């Protein structure tokens, strides 16, 4: 009887000591495809304004090539990048190999 109570007490104490993780701590985010809301939710130290700055920078300058490129965004420094390094993914943009539909063959007008 004593062993059972002791085991339960030990289990409860161990549960209190374990770190509590949130779902956002386990997620990863692609800085080349995520919207501002997702960036702000997943990344530590990134609020709505900095997340919007990431999206704006990406629209103006094209996709990020590396995680370290985030330091080119105003308000984001090396400490913030280091803090989130395990949560950030940088995808390579897909380039279409098919010609666009707007190209026409010459000499086909009537």
Protein backbone atom coordinates (compact mmCIF):
# COMPACT_ATOMS: atom_id res chain seq x y z
CA UNK A 1 0.00 0.00 0.00
CA UNK A 2 2.80 2.40 0.90
CA UNK A 3 4.65 1.65 -2.34
CA UNK A 4 1.53 2.43 -4.42
CA UNK A 5 0.94 5.80 -2.70
CA UNK A 6 4.61 6.62 -3.02
CA UNK A 7 4.54 5.75 -6.75
CA UNK A 8 1.52 7.97 -7.34
CA UNK A 9 3.11 10.84 -5.43
CA UNK A 10 6.34 10.44 -7.37
CA UNK A 11 4.44 10.42 -10.66
CA UNK A 12 2.53 13.61 -9.76
CA UNK A 13 5.72 15.37 -8.71
CA UNK A 14 7.46 14.40 -11.94
CA UNK A 15 4.54 15.79 -13.96
CA UNK A 16 4.94 19.14 -12.21
CA UNK A 17 8.64 19.30 -13.04
CA UNK A 18 8.32 18.50 -16.75
CA UNK A 19 8.43 21.55 -18.99
CA UNK A 20 5.12 22.65 -20.38
CA UNK A 21 5.17 23.03 -24.16
CA UNK A 22 2.62 24.82 -26.28
CA UNK A 23 1.55 23.72 -29.73
CA UNK A 24 3.27 26.77 -31.25
CA UNK A 25 6.57 25.62 -29.73
CA UNK A 26 6.38 22.40 -31.74
CA UNK A 27 5.42 23.98 -35.07
CA UNK A 28 7.71 25.02 -37.87
CA UNK A 29 6.97 27.85 -40.27
CA UNK A 30 8.13 28.48 -43.83
CA UNK A 31 9.14 32.13 -44.06
CA UNK A 32 8.64 32.06 -47.83
CA UNK A 33 5.00 30.95 -47.75
CA UNK A 34 3.51 31.77 -44.33
CA UNK A 35 1.17 34.69 -43.85
CA UNK A 36 1.76 37.34 -41.18
CA UNK A 37 -0.73 35.81 -38.74
CA UNK A 38 1.03 32.43 -38.82
CA UNK A 39 4.47 34.01 -38.45
CA UNK A 40 3.33 36.00 -35.41
CA UNK A 41 1.70 32.95 -33.81
CA UNK A 42 4.60 30.53 -34.25
CA UNK A 43 7.74 32.65 -33.88
CA UNK A 44 8.95 33.95 -30.51
CA UNK A 45 9.52 37.70 -30.37
CA UNK A 46 7.61 38.28 -33.62
CA UNK A 47 4.38 40.18 -33.22
CA UNK A 48 1.91 41.33 -35.87
CA UNK A 49 4.03 44.32 -37.00
CA UNK A 50 7.26 42.36 -37.44
CA UNK A 51 5.38 39.52 -39.11
CA UNK A 52 3.84 42.00 -41.56
CA UNK A 53 7.33 43.41 -42.19
CA UNK A 54 8.57 39.90 -43.08
CA UNK A 55 5.74 39.43 -45.58
CA UNK A 56 6.28 42.93 -47.05
CA UNK A 57 10.01 42.35 -47.42
CA UNK A 58 9.34 39.02 -49.15
CA UNK A 59 6.89 40.64 -51.58
CA UNK A 60 9.32 43.45 -52.48
CA UNK A 61 12.58 41.47 -52.60
CA UNK A 62 11.57 37.94 -53.48
CA UNK A 63 11.87 34.78 -51.40
CA UNK A 64 14.38 34.36 -48.60
CA UNK A 65 17.34 32.15 -49.47
CA UNK A 66 18.44 31.43 -45.89
CA UNK A 67 17.24 31.93 -42.34
CA UNK A 68 19.95 34.54 -41.83
CA UNK A 69 18.29 36.72 -44.51
CA UNK A 70 15.65 37.63 -41.91
CA UNK A 71 18.10 40.13 -40.43
CA UNK A 72 17.52 42.25 -43.56
CA UNK A 73 13.97 42.87 -42.29
CA UNK A 74 13.70 46.00 -40.19
CA UNK A 75 13.23 45.15 -36.50
CA UNK A 76 14.52 41.59 -36.67
CA UNK A 77 17.99 40.92 -35.34
CA UNK A 78 20.34 38.02 -34.90
CA UNK A 79 19.05 37.23 -31.40
CA UNK A 80 15.48 36.82 -32.64
CA UNK A 81 16.69 34.64 -35.50
CA UNK A 82 18.77 32.47 -33.14
CA UNK A 83 15.83 32.11 -30.76
CA UNK A 84 13.64 30.78 -33.58
CA UNK A 85 16.17 28.85 -35.67
CA UNK A 86 14.58 25.47 -34.96
CA UNK A 87 11.14 26.74 -35.97
CA UNK A 88 12.00 28.28 -39.33
CA UNK A 89 11.96 26.54 -42.70
CA UNK A 90 13.13 28.21 -45.91
CA UNK A 91 11.57 26.63 -48.99
CA UNK A 92 12.87 27.17 -52.47
CA UNK A 93 10.30 28.69 -54.78
CA UNK A 94 8.98 26.47 -57.55
CA UNK A 95 9.73 27.69 -61.05
CA UNK A 96 7.37 26.69 -63.82
CA UNK A 97 9.04 24.96 -66.77
CA UNK A 98 5.99 25.30 -69.03
CA UNK A 99 5.59 28.38 -71.22
CA UNK A 100 2.86 30.75 -70.16
CA UNK A 101 -0.48 30.62 -71.95
CA UNK A 102 -0.18 34.24 -73.01
CA UNK A 103 2.53 33.52 -75.57
CA UNK A 104 1.19 33.33 -79.12
CA UNK A 105 2.68 31.91 -82.27
CA UNK A 106 3.56 34.57 -84.81
CA UNK A 107 1.92 34.62 -88.22
CA UNK A 108 -1.43 33.18 -87.18
CA UNK A 109 -3.52 36.33 -87.58
CA UNK A 110 -6.22 36.57 -90.29
